[in-house]
């Protein structure tokens, strides 16, 4: 059972990395440091969009409209951290 929990924690860490990378890339694209017309940048951006949009879309349905500010990545990161804490604190219950 410990292996399953460690695998779940690894998946949460990878997903957290994707969210942070997407967040940073969105700012760099917005300030024109990165250009999505470059092949590598475009591939990374659209891959992250395809991975994260199903999660972002579900959360955006319940978020209030804040104008041009999108706090969905912050909500996702908080949710990931809550899941991580829950798994770590209840690890002994799975034995």
N, C-alpha and C. Protein backbone atom coordinates (compact mmCIF):
# COMPACT_ATOMS: atom_id res chain seq x y z
N UNK A 1 0.82 -1.19 0.00
CA UNK A 1 0.00 0.00 0.00
C UNK A 1 0.87 1.26 0.00
N UNK A 2 2.02 1.17 0.62
CA UNK A 2 2.92 2.32 0.64
C UNK A 2 3.34 2.70 -0.78
N UNK A 3 3.52 1.71 -1.63
CA UNK A 3 3.91 1.98 -3.01
C UNK A 3 2.84 2.77 -3.75
N UNK A 4 1.58 2.47 -3.49
CA UNK A 4 0.49 3.19 -4.15
C UNK A 4 0.47 4.64 -3.70
N UNK A 5 0.67 4.87 -2.41
CA UNK A 5 0.68 6.24 -1.90
C UNK A 5 1.86 7.01 -2.47
N UNK A 6 3.02 6.37 -2.54
CA UNK A 6 4.19 7.03 -3.12
C UNK A 6 3.96 7.34 -4.60
N UNK A 7 3.30 6.44 -5.32
CA UNK A 7 3.00 6.70 -6.72
C UNK A 7 2.04 7.87 -6.86
N UNK A 8 1.03 7.94 -6.00
CA UNK A 8 0.10 9.07 -6.03
C UNK A 8 0.80 10.39 -5.71
N UNK A 9 1.71 10.36 -4.75
CA UNK A 9 2.47 11.57 -4.42
C UNK A 9 3.36 11.99 -5.59
N UNK A 10 3.92 11.03 -6.31
CA UNK A 10 4.74 11.35 -7.48
C UNK A 10 3.88 11.98 -8.58
N UNK A 11 2.70 11.43 -8.81
CA UNK A 11 1.79 11.98 -9.82
C UNK A 11 1.39 13.41 -9.45
N UNK A 12 1.11 13.64 -8.17
CA UNK A 12 0.77 15.00 -7.72
C UNK A 12 1.94 15.96 -7.92
N UNK A 13 3.17 15.49 -7.68
CA UNK A 13 4.35 16.34 -7.88
C UNK A 13 4.54 16.69 -9.35
N UNK A 14 4.35 15.73 -10.23
CA UNK A 14 4.48 15.98 -11.67
C UNK A 14 3.41 16.97 -12.13
N UNK A 15 2.18 16.75 -11.66
CA UNK A 15 1.09 17.65 -12.04
C UNK A 15 1.35 19.06 -11.52
N UNK A 16 1.90 19.17 -10.30
CA UNK A 16 2.24 20.49 -9.75
C UNK A 16 3.30 21.16 -10.61
N UNK A 17 4.29 20.39 -11.08
CA UNK A 17 5.30 20.94 -11.97
C UNK A 17 4.68 21.46 -13.26
N UNK A 18 3.73 20.70 -13.84
CA UNK A 18 3.06 21.14 -15.06
C UNK A 18 2.31 22.45 -14.84
N UNK A 19 1.63 22.58 -13.72
CA UNK A 19 0.87 23.80 -13.43
C UNK A 19 1.81 25.00 -13.29
N UNK A 20 2.90 24.81 -12.57
CA UNK A 20 3.86 25.91 -12.38
C UNK A 20 4.51 26.28 -13.72
N UNK A 21 4.89 25.29 -14.52
CA UNK A 21 5.49 25.57 -15.83
C UNK A 21 4.50 26.31 -16.72
N UNK A 22 3.24 25.90 -16.72
CA UNK A 22 2.21 26.57 -17.53
C UNK A 22 2.01 28.01 -17.06
N UNK A 23 1.99 28.21 -15.76
CA UNK A 23 1.81 29.55 -15.19
C UNK A 23 2.96 30.47 -15.60
N UNK A 24 4.19 29.98 -15.47
CA UNK A 24 5.36 30.80 -15.84
C UNK A 24 5.37 31.07 -17.34
N UNK A 25 5.08 30.05 -18.14
CA UNK A 25 5.06 30.25 -19.59
C UNK A 25 3.99 31.25 -20.01
N UNK A 26 2.83 31.23 -19.34
CA UNK A 26 1.78 32.18 -19.71
C UNK A 26 2.23 33.62 -19.49
N UNK A 27 2.95 33.86 -18.41
CA UNK A 27 3.46 35.21 -18.16
C UNK A 27 4.54 35.58 -19.17
N UNK A 28 5.43 34.64 -19.47
CA UNK A 28 6.50 34.93 -20.44
C UNK A 28 5.94 35.16 -21.83
N UNK A 29 4.89 34.46 -22.20
CA UNK A 29 4.25 34.68 -23.49
C UNK A 29 3.53 36.01 -23.50
N UNK A 30 2.86 36.33 -22.40
CA UNK A 30 2.12 37.60 -22.31
C UNK A 30 3.05 38.81 -22.43
N UNK A 31 4.26 38.71 -21.83
CA UNK A 31 5.22 39.82 -21.91
C UNK A 31 6.17 39.68 -23.08
N UNK A 32 5.85 38.79 -24.01
CA UNK A 32 6.56 38.59 -25.27
C UNK A 32 8.03 38.22 -25.10
N UNK A 33 8.32 37.52 -24.02
CA UNK A 33 9.66 36.95 -23.86
C UNK A 33 9.74 35.66 -24.66
N UNK A 34 8.64 34.89 -24.63
CA UNK A 34 8.54 33.68 -25.44
C UNK A 34 7.54 33.92 -26.57
N UNK A 35 7.75 33.23 -27.66
CA UNK A 35 6.86 33.34 -28.81
C UNK A 35 6.34 31.94 -29.15
N UNK A 36 5.02 31.74 -29.12
CA UNK A 36 4.49 30.41 -29.37
C UNK A 36 4.57 30.01 -30.84
N UNK A 37 5.00 30.92 -31.70
CA UNK A 37 5.22 30.55 -33.10
C UNK A 37 6.53 29.79 -33.28
N UNK A 38 7.40 29.84 -32.27
CA UNK A 38 8.60 29.01 -32.30
C UNK A 38 8.15 27.57 -32.07
N UNK A 39 8.72 26.65 -32.81
CA UNK A 39 8.22 25.27 -32.82
C UNK A 39 8.26 24.62 -31.43
N UNK A 40 9.38 24.68 -30.75
CA UNK A 40 9.51 24.03 -29.45
C UNK A 40 8.60 24.67 -28.40
N UNK A 41 8.58 25.99 -28.37
CA UNK A 41 7.74 26.70 -27.41
C UNK A 41 6.27 26.39 -27.67
N UNK A 42 5.87 26.40 -28.93
CA UNK A 42 4.49 26.08 -29.27
C UNK A 42 4.10 24.67 -28.88
N UNK A 43 4.98 23.70 -29.11
CA UNK A 43 4.68 22.32 -28.75
C UNK A 43 4.53 22.17 -27.24
N UNK A 44 5.43 22.78 -26.49
CA UNK A 44 5.34 22.69 -25.02
C UNK A 44 4.07 23.37 -24.54
N UNK A 45 3.77 24.55 -25.07
CA UNK A 45 2.59 25.30 -24.63
C UNK A 45 1.30 24.53 -24.91
N UNK A 46 1.15 24.03 -26.13
CA UNK A 46 -0.09 23.35 -26.48
C UNK A 46 -0.21 22.00 -25.77
N UNK A 47 0.91 21.35 -25.48
CA UNK A 47 0.85 20.11 -24.70
C UNK A 47 0.39 20.39 -23.27
N UNK A 48 0.94 21.42 -22.67
CA UNK A 48 0.50 21.79 -21.31
C UNK A 48 -0.97 22.21 -21.31
N UNK A 49 -1.39 22.91 -22.35
CA UNK A 49 -2.80 23.31 -22.46
C UNK A 49 -3.71 22.08 -22.52
N UNK A 50 -3.34 21.09 -23.31
CA UNK A 50 -4.15 19.87 -23.43
C UNK A 50 -4.19 19.08 -22.13
N UNK A 51 -3.11 19.09 -21.38
CA UNK A 51 -3.06 18.36 -20.12
C UNK A 51 -3.87 19.08 -19.04
N UNK A 52 -3.75 20.40 -18.97
CA UNK A 52 -4.33 21.14 -17.85
C UNK A 52 -5.73 21.67 -18.09
N UNK A 53 -6.14 21.82 -19.32
CA UNK A 53 -7.44 22.43 -19.60
C UNK A 53 -8.63 21.65 -19.03
N UNK A 54 -8.63 20.32 -19.05
CA UNK A 54 -9.76 19.62 -18.41
C UNK A 54 -9.91 19.96 -16.93
N UNK A 55 -8.81 20.11 -16.23
CA UNK A 55 -8.88 20.47 -14.80
C UNK A 55 -9.25 21.94 -14.64
N UNK A 56 -8.59 22.81 -15.42
CA UNK A 56 -8.88 24.24 -15.34
C UNK A 56 -10.33 24.53 -15.69
N UNK A 57 -10.85 23.85 -16.71
CA UNK A 57 -12.22 24.11 -17.16
C UNK A 57 -13.25 23.81 -16.07
N UNK A 58 -13.06 22.73 -15.35
CA UNK A 58 -13.99 22.38 -14.28
C UNK A 58 -13.95 23.40 -13.15
N UNK A 59 -12.77 23.91 -12.86
CA UNK A 59 -12.64 24.87 -11.76
C UNK A 59 -13.14 26.24 -12.20
N UNK A 60 -12.91 26.62 -13.46
CA UNK A 60 -13.35 27.93 -13.94
C UNK A 60 -14.87 28.08 -13.93
N UNK A 61 -15.59 26.98 -14.01
CA UNK A 61 -17.06 27.07 -13.95
C UNK A 61 -17.54 27.65 -12.63
N UNK A 62 -16.80 27.40 -11.56
CA UNK A 62 -17.22 27.84 -10.23
C UNK A 62 -16.52 29.11 -9.75
N UNK A 63 -15.56 29.59 -10.51
CA UNK A 63 -14.80 30.78 -10.11
C UNK A 63 -15.54 32.05 -10.56
N UNK A 64 -15.51 33.08 -9.73
CA UNK A 64 -16.11 34.34 -10.15
C UNK A 64 -15.25 35.01 -11.23
N UNK A 65 -15.88 35.87 -12.01
CA UNK A 65 -15.17 36.60 -13.04
C UNK A 65 -14.39 37.73 -12.39
N UNK A 66 -13.07 37.70 -12.50
CA UNK A 66 -12.21 38.72 -11.91
C UNK A 66 -11.61 39.63 -12.97
N UNK A 67 -12.26 39.76 -14.07
CA UNK A 67 -11.73 40.58 -15.15
C UNK A 67 -10.70 39.78 -15.93
N UNK A 68 -9.50 40.29 -16.05
CA UNK A 68 -8.45 39.62 -16.79
C UNK A 68 -7.55 38.75 -15.94
N UNK A 69 -7.89 38.58 -14.66
CA UNK A 69 -7.04 37.81 -13.76
C UNK A 69 -7.59 36.39 -13.65
N UNK A 70 -6.73 35.43 -13.89
CA UNK A 70 -7.12 34.02 -13.79
C UNK A 70 -6.38 33.39 -12.62
N UNK A 71 -7.10 33.10 -11.56
CA UNK A 71 -6.48 32.50 -10.38
C UNK A 71 -6.67 30.99 -10.33
N UNK A 72 -7.11 30.41 -11.43
CA UNK A 72 -7.33 28.97 -11.48
C UNK A 72 -6.06 28.17 -11.16
N UNK A 73 -4.88 28.54 -11.69
CA UNK A 73 -3.67 27.77 -11.32
C UNK A 73 -3.39 27.80 -9.82
N UNK A 74 -3.69 28.90 -9.17
CA UNK A 74 -3.46 28.98 -7.72
C UNK A 74 -4.41 28.04 -6.99
N UNK A 75 -5.66 27.99 -7.45
CA UNK A 75 -6.63 27.08 -6.83
C UNK A 75 -6.21 25.63 -7.04
N UNK A 76 -5.70 25.31 -8.23
CA UNK A 76 -5.24 23.95 -8.51
C UNK A 76 -4.05 23.60 -7.63
N UNK A 77 -3.11 24.53 -7.48
CA UNK A 77 -1.94 24.27 -6.63
C UNK A 77 -2.35 24.07 -5.16
N UNK A 78 -3.30 24.84 -4.68
CA UNK A 78 -3.79 24.66 -3.31
C UNK A 78 -4.46 23.30 -3.17
N UNK A 79 -5.26 22.91 -4.17
CA UNK A 79 -5.90 21.60 -4.15
C UNK A 79 -4.90 20.46 -4.15
N UNK A 80 -3.85 20.58 -4.95
CA UNK A 80 -2.81 19.56 -4.98
C UNK A 80 -2.13 19.45 -3.62
N UNK A 81 -1.85 20.58 -3.01
CA UNK A 81 -1.20 20.58 -1.70
C UNK A 81 -2.10 19.96 -0.63
N UNK A 82 -3.39 20.25 -0.70
CA UNK A 82 -4.34 19.65 0.26
C UNK A 82 -4.37 18.13 0.08
N UNK A 83 -4.41 17.65 -1.15
CA UNK A 83 -4.38 16.20 -1.40
C UNK A 83 -3.09 15.57 -0.90
N UNK A 84 -1.98 16.25 -1.12
CA UNK A 84 -0.68 15.74 -0.66
C UNK A 84 -0.65 15.63 0.85
N UNK A 85 -1.10 16.66 1.53
CA UNK A 85 -1.13 16.65 2.99
C UNK A 85 -2.06 15.54 3.49
N UNK A 86 -3.22 15.39 2.86
CA UNK A 86 -4.16 14.34 3.25
C UNK A 86 -3.53 12.96 3.11
N UNK A 87 -2.84 12.71 1.99
CA UNK A 87 -2.21 11.41 1.79
C UNK A 87 -1.10 11.14 2.80
N UNK A 88 -0.29 12.15 3.08
CA UNK A 88 0.82 11.96 4.01
C UNK A 88 0.30 11.75 5.43
N UNK A 89 -0.68 12.54 5.86
CA UNK A 89 -1.17 12.44 7.23
C UNK A 89 -1.98 11.18 7.47
N UNK A 90 -2.61 10.62 6.44
CA UNK A 90 -3.41 9.42 6.61
C UNK A 90 -2.74 8.17 6.06
N UNK A 91 -1.43 8.23 5.88
CA UNK A 91 -0.70 7.10 5.35
C UNK A 91 -0.81 5.89 6.27
N UNK A 92 -0.82 6.11 7.56
CA UNK A 92 -0.88 4.99 8.50
C UNK A 92 -2.24 4.27 8.45
N UNK A 93 -3.28 4.92 8.01
CA UNK A 93 -4.60 4.29 7.93
C UNK A 93 -4.68 3.27 6.81
N UNK A 94 -3.77 3.33 5.85
CA UNK A 94 -3.81 2.41 4.73
C UNK A 94 -3.05 1.10 4.98
N UNK A 95 -2.43 0.97 6.14
CA UNK A 95 -1.68 -0.25 6.44
C UNK A 95 -2.52 -1.27 7.12
